[in-house]
Amino acid sequence: FAKDIGSIEDKLRTIQKKMNGDAVANQLDIDTPPSITSRMFGAIYDGYSTTSEPTTTMKDQLQIASDEFEPVFTDLKNVINTDIKSLEGKLEAAGAPYTPGRTPEYKKN
């Protein structure tokens, strides 16, 4: 189970990094490409200080964030619907006790 859990954790870390950026690089003040979240919030924040229409840059940033988000969201759904479900099946088959968020299968005697 440790290998499955490690794989899931790696995939979730990758998703987290794409969504929010590299926290370590940020702490070390290393330039990295903007994350999906930073693009989105940057465009929104810039819009708070104006009553004019969104700029081309704001629109572009939101479009890029949207384009980058789609495959990340697909990756997340795959982790939830495939990897975690597979792990839950293995836990169930091994007779593991209840864990939060996992509904055990009912077996009628």
PDB file of N, CA and C in Angstrom:
ATOM      1  N   PHE A   1       0.822  -1.205   0.000  1.00  0.00           N
ATOM      2  CA  PHE A   1       0.000   0.000   0.000  1.00  0.00           C
ATOM      3  C   PHE A   1       0.859   1.261   0.000  1.00  0.00           C
ATOM      4  N   ALA A   2       2.047   1.154   0.572  1.00  0.00           N
ATOM      5  CA  ALA A   2       2.925   2.329   0.672  1.00  0.00           C
ATOM      6  C   ALA A   2       3.289   2.859  -0.709  1.00  0.00           C
ATOM      7  N   LYS A   3       3.516   1.969  -1.670  1.00  0.00           N
ATOM      8  CA  LYS A   3       3.868   2.389  -3.027  1.00  0.00           C
ATOM      9  C   LYS A   3       2.690   3.137  -3.669  1.00  0.00           C
ATOM     10  N   ASP A   4       1.478   2.609  -3.478  1.00  0.00           N
ATOM     11  CA  ASP A   4       0.279   3.262  -4.021  1.00  0.00           C
ATOM     12  C   ASP A   4       0.076   4.635  -3.396  1.00  0.00           C
ATOM     13  N   ILE A   5       0.229   4.709  -2.098  1.00  0.00           N
ATOM     14  CA  ILE A   5       0.052   5.978  -1.385  1.00  0.00           C
ATOM     15  C   ILE A   5       1.114   6.974  -1.829  1.00  0.00           C
ATOM     16  N   GLY A   6       2.353   6.522  -1.955  1.00  0.00           N
ATOM     17  CA  GLY A   6       3.435   7.400  -2.417  1.00  0.00           C
ATOM     18  C   GLY A   6       3.173   7.937  -3.810  1.00  0.00           C
ATOM     19  N   SER A   7       2.660   7.089  -4.691  1.00  0.00           N
ATOM     20  CA  SER A   7       2.341   7.513  -6.051  1.00  0.00           C
ATOM     21  C   SER A   7       1.235   8.558  -6.055  1.00  0.00           C
ATOM     22  N   ILE A   8       0.207   8.333  -5.256  1.00  0.00           N
ATOM     23  CA  ILE A   8      -0.895   9.296  -5.152  1.00  0.00           C
ATOM     24  C   ILE A   8      -0.380  10.627  -4.604  1.00  0.00           C
ATOM     25  N   GLU A   9       0.443  10.557  -3.567  1.00  0.00           N
ATOM     26  CA  GLU A   9       0.999  11.781  -2.986  1.00  0.00           C
ATOM     27  C   GLU A   9       1.838  12.545  -4.014  1.00  0.00           C
ATOM     28  N   ASP A  10       2.636  11.836  -4.804  1.00  0.00           N
ATOM     29  CA  ASP A  10       3.450  12.491  -5.839  1.00  0.00           C
ATOM     30  C   ASP A  10       2.574  13.196  -6.863  1.00  0.00           C
ATOM     31  N   LYS A  11       1.523  12.523  -7.295  1.00  0.00           N
ATOM     32  CA  LYS A  11       0.612  13.123  -8.273  1.00  0.00           C
ATOM     33  C   LYS A  11      -0.076  14.353  -7.689  1.00  0.00           C
ATOM     34  N   LEU A  12      -0.491  14.275  -6.429  1.00  0.00           N
ATOM     35  CA  LEU A  12      -1.150  15.417  -5.796  1.00  0.00           C
ATOM     36  C   LEU A  12      -0.184  16.580  -5.589  1.00  0.00           C
ATOM     37  N   ARG A  13       1.085  16.280  -5.276  1.00  0.00           N
ATOM     38  CA  ARG A  13       2.089  17.344  -5.151  1.00  0.00           C
ATOM     39  C   ARG A  13       2.306  18.051  -6.488  1.00  0.00           C
ATOM     40  N   THR A  14       2.319  17.287  -7.569  1.00  0.00           N
ATOM     41  CA  THR A  14       2.472  17.861  -8.903  1.00  0.00           C
ATOM     42  C   THR A  14       1.300  18.779  -9.227  1.00  0.00           C
ATOM     43  N   ILE A  15       0.106  18.338  -8.905  1.00  0.00           N
ATOM     44  CA  ILE A  15      -1.092  19.152  -9.126  1.00  0.00           C
ATOM     45  C   ILE A  15      -1.023  20.425  -8.287  1.00  0.00           C
ATOM     46  N   GLN A  16      -0.651  20.281  -7.026  1.00  0.00           N
ATOM     47  CA  GLN A  16      -0.513  21.430  -6.123  1.00  0.00           C
ATOM     48  C   GLN A  16       0.482  22.447  -6.681  1.00  0.00           C
ATOM     49  N   LYS A  17       1.595  21.942  -7.198  1.00  0.00           N
ATOM     50  CA  LYS A  17       2.639  22.821  -7.738  1.00  0.00           C
ATOM     51  C   LYS A  17       2.129  23.587  -8.959  1.00  0.00           C
ATOM     52  N   LYS A  18       1.382  22.901  -9.823  1.00  0.00           N
ATOM     53  CA  LYS A  18       0.832  23.567 -11.002  1.00  0.00           C
ATOM     54  C   LYS A  18      -0.206  24.619 -10.605  1.00  0.00           C
ATOM     55  N   MET A  19      -0.988  24.314  -9.593  1.00  0.00           N
ATOM     56  CA  MET A  19      -2.031  25.249  -9.162  1.00  0.00           C
ATOM     57  C   MET A  19      -1.456  26.457  -8.424  1.00  0.00           C
ATOM     58  N   ASN A  20      -0.518  26.209  -7.502  1.00  0.00           N
ATOM     59  CA  ASN A  20      -0.058  27.267  -6.596  1.00  0.00           C
ATOM     60  C   ASN A  20       1.407  27.644  -6.738  1.00  0.00           C
ATOM     61  N   GLY A  21       2.137  26.981  -7.610  1.00  0.00           N
ATOM     62  CA  GLY A  21       3.548  27.298  -7.789  1.00  0.00           C
ATOM     63  C   GLY A  21       4.436  26.488  -6.865  1.00  0.00           C
ATOM     64  N   ASP A  22       5.725  26.657  -7.037  1.00  0.00           N
ATOM     65  CA  ASP A  22       6.730  25.938  -6.263  1.00  0.00           C
ATOM     66  C   ASP A  22       7.038  26.721  -4.995  1.00  0.00           C
ATOM     67  N   ALA A  23       6.578  26.223  -3.857  1.00  0.00           N
ATOM     68  CA  ALA A  23       6.746  26.922  -2.582  1.00  0.00           C
ATOM     69  C   ALA A  23       8.223  27.065  -2.202  1.00  0.00           C
ATOM     70  N   VAL A  24       9.018  26.043  -2.470  1.00  0.00           N
ATOM     71  CA  VAL A  24      10.443  26.093  -2.118  1.00  0.00           C
ATOM     72  C   VAL A  24      11.144  27.153  -2.965  1.00  0.00           C
ATOM     73  N   ALA A  25      10.894  27.140  -4.261  1.00  0.00           N
ATOM     74  CA  ALA A  25      11.510  28.143  -5.144  1.00  0.00           C
ATOM     75  C   ALA A  25      11.072  29.544  -4.731  1.00  0.00           C
ATOM     76  N   ASN A  26       9.823  29.676  -4.330  1.00  0.00           N
ATOM     77  CA  ASN A  26       9.319  30.970  -3.884  1.00  0.00           C
ATOM     78  C   ASN A  26      10.051  31.440  -2.629  1.00  0.00           C
ATOM     79  N   GLN A  27      10.268  30.542  -1.677  1.00  0.00           N
ATOM     80  CA  GLN A  27      10.986  30.908  -0.448  1.00  0.00           C
ATOM     81  C   GLN A  27      12.427  31.287  -0.728  1.00  0.00           C
ATOM     82  N   LEU A  28      13.007  30.653  -1.741  1.00  0.00           N
ATOM     83  CA  LEU A  28      14.400  30.940  -2.098  1.00  0.00           C
ATOM     84  C   LEU A  28      14.513  32.078  -3.096  1.00  0.00           C
ATOM     85  N   ASP A  29      13.373  32.678  -3.425  1.00  0.00           N
ATOM     86  CA  ASP A  29      13.310  33.806  -4.364  1.00  0.00           C
ATOM     87  C   ASP A  29      13.871  33.436  -5.739  1.00  0.00           C
ATOM     88  N   ILE A  30      13.508  32.234  -6.182  1.00  0.00           N
ATOM     89  CA  ILE A  30      13.902  31.758  -7.507  1.00  0.00           C
ATOM     90  C   ILE A  30      12.722  32.006  -8.443  1.00  0.00           C
ATOM     91  N   ASP A  31      13.007  32.617  -9.581  1.00  0.00           N
ATOM     92  CA  ASP A  31      11.947  32.880 -10.546  1.00  0.00           C
ATOM     93  C   ASP A  31      11.385  31.579 -11.103  1.00  0.00           C
ATOM     94  N   THR A  32      10.090  31.494 -11.151  1.00  0.00           N
ATOM     95  CA  THR A  32       9.390  30.368 -11.737  1.00  0.00           C
ATOM     96  C   THR A  32       8.243  30.910 -12.583  1.00  0.00           C
ATOM     97  N   PRO A  33       7.746  30.113 -13.505  1.00  0.00           N
ATOM     98  CA  PRO A  33       6.593  30.574 -14.282  1.00  0.00           C
ATOM     99  C   PRO A  33       5.404  30.814 -13.355  1.00  0.00           C
ATOM    100  N   PRO A  34       4.526  31.722 -13.717  1.00  0.00           N
ATOM    101  CA  PRO A  34       3.355  31.982 -12.872  1.00  0.00           C
ATOM    102  C   PRO A  34       2.475  30.735 -12.749  1.00  0.00           C
ATOM    103  N   SER A  35       1.934  30.532 -11.569  1.00  0.00           N
ATOM    104  CA  SER A  35       1.021  29.413 -11.361  1.00  0.00           C
ATOM    105  C   SER A  35      -0.366  29.787 -11.886  1.00  0.00           C
ATOM    106  N   ILE A  36      -1.214  28.801 -11.964  1.00  0.00           N
ATOM    107  CA  ILE A  36      -2.595  29.039 -12.402  1.00  0.00           C
ATOM    108  C   ILE A  36      -3.269  30.024 -11.448  1.00  0.00           C
ATOM    109  N   THR A  37      -3.104  29.804 -10.163  1.00  0.00           N
ATOM    110  CA  THR A  37      -3.721  30.667  -9.161  1.00  0.00           C
ATOM    111  C   THR A  37      -3.180  32.091  -9.234  1.00  0.00           C
ATOM    112  N   SER A  38      -1.876  32.231  -9.416  1.00  0.00           N
ATOM    113  CA  SER A  38      -1.304  33.582  -9.453  1.00  0.00           C
ATOM    114  C   SER A  38      -1.774  34.339 -10.693  1.00  0.00           C
ATOM    115  N   ARG A  39      -1.915  33.647 -11.805  1.00  0.00           N
ATOM    116  CA  ARG A  39      -2.449  34.302 -13.007  1.00  0.00           C
ATOM    117  C   ARG A  39      -3.879  34.783 -12.763  1.00  0.00           C
ATOM    118  N   MET A  40      -4.686  33.911 -12.195  1.00  0.00           N
ATOM    119  CA  MET A  40      -6.090  34.225 -11.973  1.00  0.00           C
ATOM    120  C   MET A  40      -6.248  35.378 -10.977  1.00  0.00           C
ATOM    121  N   PHE A  41      -5.613  35.257  -9.825  1.00  0.00           N
ATOM    122  CA  PHE A  41      -5.759  36.299  -8.806  1.00  0.00           C
ATOM    123  C   PHE A  41      -5.102  37.611  -9.230  1.00  0.00           C
ATOM    124  N   GLY A  42      -4.026  37.536 -10.008  1.00  0.00           N
ATOM    125  CA  GLY A  42      -3.404  38.754 -10.512  1.00  0.00           C
ATOM    126  C   GLY A  42      -4.362  39.535 -11.393  1.00  0.00           C
ATOM    127  N   ALA A  43      -5.031  38.836 -12.282  1.00  0.00           N
ATOM    128  CA  ALA A  43      -5.991  39.495 -13.180  1.00  0.00           C
ATOM    129  C   ALA A  43      -7.172  40.054 -12.391  1.00  0.00           C
ATOM    130  N   ILE A  44      -7.647  39.309 -11.430  1.00  0.00           N
ATOM    131  CA  ILE A  44      -8.784  39.768 -10.618  1.00  0.00           C
ATOM    132  C   ILE A  44      -8.378  40.964  -9.759  1.00  0.00           C
ATOM    133  N   TYR A  45      -7.227  40.874  -9.099  1.00  0.00           N
ATOM    134  CA  TYR A  45      -6.763  41.953  -8.228  1.00  0.00           C
ATOM    135  C   TYR A  45      -6.575  43.245  -9.016  1.00  0.00           C
ATOM    136  N   ASP A  46      -5.989  43.148 -10.198  1.00  0.00           N
ATOM    137  CA  ASP A  46      -5.784  44.340 -11.020  1.00  0.00           C
ATOM    138  C   ASP A  46      -7.108  44.987 -11.407  1.00  0.00           C
ATOM    139  N   GLY A  47      -8.149  44.213 -11.495  1.00  0.00           N
ATOM    140  CA  GLY A  47      -9.456  44.739 -11.858  1.00  0.00           C
ATOM    141  C   GLY A  47     -10.150  45.481 -10.738  1.00  0.00           C
ATOM    142  N   TYR A  48      -9.740  45.245  -9.490  1.00  0.00           N
ATOM    143  CA  TYR A  48     -10.371  45.917  -8.353  1.00  0.00           C
ATOM    144  C   TYR A  48     -10.120  47.422  -8.337  1.00  0.00           C
ATOM    145  N   SER A  49      -9.007  47.834  -8.891  1.00  0.00           N
ATOM    146  CA  SER A  49      -8.627  49.244  -8.771  1.00  0.00           C
ATOM    147  C   SER A  49      -9.100  50.096  -9.949  1.00  0.00           C
ATOM    148  N   THR A  50      -9.970  49.552 -10.778  1.00  0.00           N
ATOM    149  CA  THR A  50     -10.394  50.304 -11.947  1.00  0.00           C
ATOM    150  C   THR A  50     -11.875  50.095 -12.226  1.00  0.00           C
ATOM    151  N   THR A  51     -12.449  51.074 -12.875  1.00  0.00           N
ATOM    152  CA  THR A  51     -13.849  50.937 -13.291  1.00  0.00           C
ATOM    153  C   THR A  51     -13.942  50.705 -14.797  1.00  0.00           C
ATOM    154  N   SER A  52     -12.802  50.656 -15.457  1.00  0.00           N
ATOM    155  CA  SER A  52     -12.795  50.446 -16.908  1.00  0.00           C
ATOM    156  C   SER A  52     -12.890  48.951 -17.228  1.00  0.00           C
ATOM    157  N   GLU A  53     -13.017  48.674 -18.487  1.00  0.00           N
ATOM    158  CA  GLU A  53     -13.075  47.292 -18.961  1.00  0.00           C
ATOM    159  C   GLU A  53     -11.756  46.584 -18.634  1.00  0.00           C
ATOM    160  N   PRO A  54     -11.798  45.251 -18.495  1.00  0.00           N
ATOM    161  CA  PRO A  54     -10.549  44.509 -18.273  1.00  0.00           C
ATOM    162  C   PRO A  54      -9.576  44.739 -19.428  1.00  0.00           C
ATOM    163  N   THR A  55      -8.318  44.812 -19.090  1.00  0.00           N
ATOM    164  CA  THR A  55      -7.292  45.023 -20.114  1.00  0.00           C
ATOM    165  C   THR A  55      -7.060  43.729 -20.890  1.00  0.00           C
ATOM    166  N   THR A  56      -6.373  43.859 -21.993  1.00  0.00           N
ATOM    167  CA  THR A  56      -6.020  42.680 -22.789  1.00  0.00           C
ATOM    168  C   THR A  56      -5.148  41.738 -21.964  1.00  0.00           C
ATOM    169  N   THR A  57      -4.249  42.298 -21.183  1.00  0.00           N
ATOM    170  CA  THR A  57      -3.386  41.473 -20.333  1.00  0.00           C
ATOM    171  C   THR A  57      -4.211  40.687 -19.325  1.00  0.00           C
ATOM    172  N   MET A  58      -5.194  41.322 -18.697  1.00  0.00           N
ATOM    173  CA  MET A  58      -6.057  40.620 -17.741  1.00  0.00           C
ATOM    174  C   MET A  58      -6.787  39.470 -18.428  1.00  0.00           C
ATOM    175  N   LYS A  59      -7.337  39.759 -19.576  1.00  0.00           N
ATOM    176  CA  LYS A  59      -8.067  38.729 -20.320  1.00  0.00           C
ATOM    177  C   LYS A  59      -7.131  37.587 -20.731  1.00  0.00           C
ATOM    178  N   ASP A  60      -5.941  37.954 -21.174  1.00  0.00           N
ATOM    179  CA  ASP A  60      -4.965  36.932 -21.570  1.00  0.00           C
ATOM    180  C   ASP A  60      -4.578  36.050 -20.393  1.00  0.00           C
ATOM    181  N   GLN A  61      -4.349  36.672 -19.227  1.00  0.00           N
ATOM    182  CA  GLN A  61      -3.972  35.906 -18.036  1.00  0.00           C
ATOM    183  C   GLN A  61      -5.079  34.943 -17.625  1.00  0.00           C
ATOM    184  N   LEU A  62      -6.317  35.389 -17.683  1.00  0.00           N
ATOM    185  CA  LEU A  62      -7.437  34.511 -17.346  1.00  0.00           C
ATOM    186  C   LEU A  62      -7.575  33.391 -18.368  1.00  0.00           C
ATOM    187  N   GLN A  63      -7.336  33.680 -19.624  1.00  0.00           N
ATOM    188  CA  GLN A  63      -7.413  32.641 -20.658  1.00  0.00           C
ATOM    189  C   GLN A  63      -6.308  31.612 -20.476  1.00  0.00           C
ATOM    190  N   ILE A  64      -5.100  32.076 -20.185  1.00  0.00           N
ATOM    191  CA  ILE A  64      -3.990  31.149 -19.950  1.00  0.00           C
ATOM    192  C   ILE A  64      -4.282  30.285 -18.728  1.00  0.00           C
ATOM    193  N   ALA A  65      -4.778  30.899 -17.654  1.00  0.00           N
ATOM    194  CA  ALA A  65      -5.127  30.144 -16.441  1.00  0.00           C
ATOM    195  C   ALA A  65      -6.182  29.085 -16.757  1.00  0.00           C
ATOM    196  N   SER A  66      -7.165  29.458 -17.540  1.00  0.00           N
ATOM    197  CA  SER A  66      -8.210  28.517 -17.923  1.00  0.00           C
ATOM    198  C   SER A  66      -7.639  27.369 -18.750  1.00  0.00           C
ATOM    199  N   ASP A  67      -6.796  27.690 -19.706  1.00  0.00           N
ATOM    200  CA  ASP A  67      -6.180  26.663 -20.559  1.00  0.00           C
ATOM    201  C   ASP A  67      -5.293  25.719 -19.747  1.00  0.00           C
ATOM    202  N   GLU A  68      -4.554  26.276 -18.785  1.00  0.00           N
ATOM    203  CA  GLU A  68      -3.667  25.463 -17.963  1.00  0.00           C
ATOM    204  C   GLU A  68      -4.445  24.643 -16.935  1.00  0.00           C
ATOM    205  N   PHE A  69      -5.592  25.150 -16.508  1.00  0.00           N
ATOM    206  CA  PHE A  69      -6.374  24.470 -15.476  1.00  0.00           C
ATOM    207  C   PHE A  69      -7.028  23.192 -15.995  1.00  0.00           C
ATOM    208  N   GLU A  70      -7.475  23.210 -17.227  1.00  0.00           N
ATOM    209  CA  GLU A  70      -8.227  22.066 -17.756  1.00  0.00           C
ATOM    210  C   GLU A  70      -7.482  20.729 -17.605  1.00  0.00           C
ATOM    211  N   PRO A  71      -6.212  20.617 -18.054  1.00  0.00           N
ATOM    212  CA  PRO A  71      -5.526  19.326 -17.876  1.00  0.00           C
ATOM    213  C   PRO A  71      -5.212  19.010 -16.406  1.00  0.00           C
ATOM    214  N   VAL A  72      -4.999  20.031 -15.590  1.00  0.00           N
ATOM    215  CA  VAL A  72      -4.735  19.802 -14.171  1.00  0.00           C
ATOM    216  C   VAL A  72      -5.990  19.245 -13.500  1.00  0.00           C
ATOM    217  N   PHE A  73      -7.139  19.789 -13.860  1.00  0.00           N
ATOM    218  CA  PHE A  73      -8.402  19.296 -13.310  1.00  0.00           C
ATOM    219  C   PHE A  73      -8.648  17.852 -13.749  1.00  0.00           C
ATOM    220  N   THR A  74      -8.320  17.546 -14.999  1.00  0.00           N
ATOM    221  CA  THR A  74      -8.446  16.172 -15.489  1.00  0.00           C
ATOM    222  C   THR A  74      -7.528  15.245 -14.701  1.00  0.00           C
ATOM    223  N   ASP A  75      -6.298  15.691 -14.441  1.00  0.00           N
ATOM    224  CA  ASP A  75      -5.360  14.892 -13.634  1.00  0.00           C
ATOM    225  C   ASP A  75      -5.923  14.640 -12.243  1.00  0.00           C
ATOM    226  N   LEU A  76      -6.501  15.662 -11.623  1.00  0.00           N
ATOM    227  CA  LEU A  76      -7.072  15.516 -10.290  1.00  0.00           C
ATOM    228  C   LEU A  76      -8.228  14.520 -10.298  1.00  0.00           C
ATOM    229  N   LYS A  77      -9.103  14.624 -11.286  1.00  0.00           N
ATOM    230  CA  LYS A  77     -10.223  13.679 -11.373  1.00  0.00           C
ATOM    231  C   LYS A  77      -9.717  12.254 -11.555  1.00  0.00           C
ATOM    232  N   ASN A  78      -8.649  12.078 -12.338  1.00  0.00           N
ATOM    233  CA  ASN A  78      -8.075  10.746 -12.526  1.00  0.00           C
ATOM    234  C   ASN A  78      -7.509  10.190 -11.224  1.00  0.00           C
ATOM    235  N   VAL A  79      -6.847  11.033 -10.454  1.00  0.00           N
ATOM    236  CA  VAL A  79      -6.315  10.581  -9.162  1.00  0.00           C
ATOM    237  C   VAL A  79      -7.465  10.132  -8.264  1.00  0.00           C
ATOM    238  N   ILE A  80      -8.522  10.929  -8.212  1.00  0.00           N
ATOM    239  CA  ILE A  80      -9.657  10.605  -7.341  1.00  0.00           C
ATOM    240  C   ILE A  80     -10.399   9.366  -7.834  1.00  0.00           C
ATOM    241  N   ASN A  81     -10.724   9.352  -9.125  1.00  0.00           N
ATOM    242  CA  ASN A  81     -11.585   8.293  -9.664  1.00  0.00           C
ATOM    243  C   ASN A  81     -10.857   7.007 -10.019  1.00  0.00           C
ATOM    244  N   THR A  82      -9.551   7.076 -10.196  1.00  0.00           N
ATOM    245  CA  THR A  82      -8.806   5.876 -10.579  1.00  0.00           C
ATOM    246  C   THR A  82      -7.861   5.431  -9.459  1.00  0.00           C
ATOM    247  N   ASP A  83      -6.900   6.288  -9.127  1.00  0.00           N
ATOM    248  CA  ASP A  83      -5.864   5.888  -8.174  1.00  0.00           C
ATOM    249  C   ASP A  83      -6.421   5.660  -6.771  1.00  0.00           C
ATOM    250  N   ILE A  84      -7.194   6.599  -6.289  1.00  0.00           N
ATOM    251  CA  ILE A  84      -7.732   6.464  -4.928  1.00  0.00           C
ATOM    252  C   ILE A  84      -8.754   5.337  -4.865  1.00  0.00           C
ATOM    253  N   LYS A  85      -9.603   5.226  -5.885  1.00  0.00           N
ATOM    254  CA  LYS A  85     -10.583   4.129  -5.916  1.00  0.00           C
ATOM    255  C   LYS A  85      -9.874   2.777  -5.938  1.00  0.00           C
ATOM    256  N   SER A  86      -8.780   2.678  -6.695  1.00  0.00           N
ATOM    257  CA  SER A  86      -8.011   1.440  -6.742  1.00  0.00           C
ATOM    258  C   SER A  86      -7.425   1.114  -5.366  1.00  0.00           C
ATOM    259  N   LEU A  87      -6.868   2.119  -4.717  1.00  0.00           N
ATOM    260  CA  LEU A  87      -6.313   1.921  -3.376  1.00  0.00           C
ATOM    261  C   LEU A  87      -7.405   1.502  -2.395  1.00  0.00           C
ATOM    262  N   GLU A  88      -8.561   2.149  -2.492  1.00  0.00           N
ATOM    263  CA  GLU A  88      -9.675   1.781  -1.617  1.00  0.00           C
ATOM    264  C   GLU A  88     -10.090   0.329  -1.840  1.00  0.00           C
ATOM    265  N   GLY A  89     -10.104  -0.111  -3.112  1.00  0.00           N
ATOM    266  CA  GLY A  89     -10.433  -1.504  -3.415  1.00  0.00           C
ATOM    267  C   GLY A  89      -9.432  -2.462  -2.802  1.00  0.00           C
ATOM    268  N   LYS A  90      -8.154  -2.105  -2.874  1.00  0.00           N
ATOM    269  CA  LYS A  90      -7.109  -2.943  -2.274  1.00  0.00           C
ATOM    270  C   LYS A  90      -7.248  -2.994  -0.758  1.00  0.00           C
ATOM    271  N   LEU A  91      -7.568  -1.846  -0.166  1.00  0.00           N
ATOM    272  CA  LEU A  91      -7.772  -1.816   1.286  1.00  0.00           C
ATOM    273  C   LEU A  91      -8.959  -2.687   1.681  1.00  0.00           C
ATOM    274  N   GLU A  92     -10.021  -2.590   0.920  1.00  0.00           N
ATOM    275  CA  GLU A  92     -11.224  -3.374   1.196  1.00  0.00           C
ATOM    276  C   GLU A  92     -10.917  -4.868   1.077  1.00  0.00           C
ATOM    277  N   ALA A  93     -10.208  -5.249   0.010  1.00  0.00           N
ATOM    278  CA  ALA A  93      -9.859  -6.654  -0.206  1.00  0.00           C
ATOM    279  C   ALA A  93      -8.955  -7.187   0.898  1.00  0.00           C
ATOM    280  N   ALA A  94      -8.130  -6.319   1.442  1.00  0.00           N
ATOM    281  CA  ALA A  94      -7.221  -6.731   2.514  1.00  0.00           C
ATOM    282  C   ALA A  94      -7.912  -6.741   3.873  1.00  0.00           C
ATOM    283  N   GLY A  95      -9.177  -6.302   3.917  1.00  0.00           N
ATOM    284  CA  GLY A  95      -9.912  -6.287   5.183  1.00  0.00           C
ATOM    285  C   GLY A  95      -9.529  -5.133   6.091  1.00  0.00           C
ATOM    286  N   ALA A  96      -9.044  -4.064   5.503  1.00  0.00           N
ATOM    287  CA  ALA A  96      -8.637  -2.905   6.299  1.00  0.00           C
ATOM    288  C   ALA A  96      -9.848  -2.308   7.009  1.00  0.00           C
ATOM    289  N   PRO A  97      -9.660  -1.798   8.212  1.00  0.00           N
ATOM    290  CA  PRO A  97     -10.774  -1.164   8.911  1.00  0.00           C
ATOM    291  C   PRO A  97     -11.193   0.129   8.212  1.00  0.00           C
ATOM    292  N   TYR A  98     -12.322   0.635   8.620  1.00  0.00           N
ATOM    293  CA  TYR A  98     -12.864   1.872   8.069  1.00  0.00           C
ATOM    294  C   TYR A  98     -11.841   2.997   8.157  1.00  0.00           C
ATOM    295  N   THR A  99     -11.763   3.781   7.109  1.00  0.00           N
ATOM    296  CA  THR A  99     -10.963   4.998   7.121  1.00  0.00           C
ATOM    297  C   THR A  99     -11.853   6.150   6.678  1.00  0.00           C
ATOM    298  N   PRO A 100     -11.634   7.349   7.196  1.00  0.00           N
ATOM    299  CA  PRO A 100     -12.486   8.485   6.837  1.00  0.00           C
ATOM    300  C   PRO A 100     -12.535   8.693   5.323  1.00  0.00           C
ATOM    301  N   GLY A 101     -13.724   8.889   4.804  1.00  0.00           N
ATOM    302  CA  GLY A 101     -13.913   9.143   3.392  1.00  0.00           C
ATOM    303  C   GLY A 101     -14.040   7.875   2.561  1.00  0.00           C
ATOM    304  N   ARG A 102     -13.805   6.731   3.163  1.00  0.00           N
ATOM    305  CA  ARG A 102     -13.915   5.466   2.431  1.00  0.00           C
ATOM    306  C   ARG A 102     -15.122   4.718   2.961  1.00  0.00           C
ATOM    307  N   THR A 103     -16.032   4.407   2.077  1.00  0.00           N
ATOM    308  CA  THR A 103     -17.221   3.678   2.455  1.00  0.00           C
ATOM    309  C   THR A 103     -16.970   2.191   2.206  1.00  0.00           C
ATOM    310  N   PRO A 104     -17.010   1.389   3.237  1.00  0.00           N
ATOM    311  CA  PRO A 104     -16.751  -0.034   3.035  1.00  0.00           C
ATOM    312  C   PRO A 104     -17.887  -0.681   2.249  1.00  0.00           C
ATOM    313  N   GLU A 105     -17.564  -1.768   1.580  1.00  0.00           N
ATOM    314  CA  GLU A 105     -18.578  -2.531   0.853  1.00  0.00           C
ATOM    315  C   GLU A 105     -19.363  -3.390   1.838  1.00  0.00           C
ATOM    316  N   TYR A 106     -20.653  -3.443   1.652  1.00  0.00           N
ATOM    317  CA  TYR A 106     -21.502  -4.258   2.498  1.00  0.00           C
ATOM    318  C   TYR A 106     -21.536  -5.663   1.925  1.00  0.00           C
ATOM    319  N   LYS A 107     -21.254  -6.626   2.771  1.00  0.00           N
ATOM    320  CA  LYS A 107     -21.279  -8.026   2.334  1.00  0.00           C
ATOM    321  C   LYS A 107     -22.288  -8.764   3.191  1.00  0.00           C
ATOM    322  N   LYS A 108     -23.330  -9.216   2.552  1.00  0.00           N
ATOM    323  CA  LYS A 108     -24.382  -9.952   3.251  1.00  0.00           C
ATOM    324  C   LYS A 108     -23.896 -11.375   3.499  1.00  0.00           C
ATOM    325  N   ASN A 109     -24.059 -11.835   4.719  1.00  0.00           N
ATOM    326  CA  ASN A 109     -23.626 -13.208   5.070  1.00  0.00           C
ATOM    327  C   ASN A 109     -24.663 -14.215   4.681  1.00  0.00           C
TER     328      ASN A 109
END
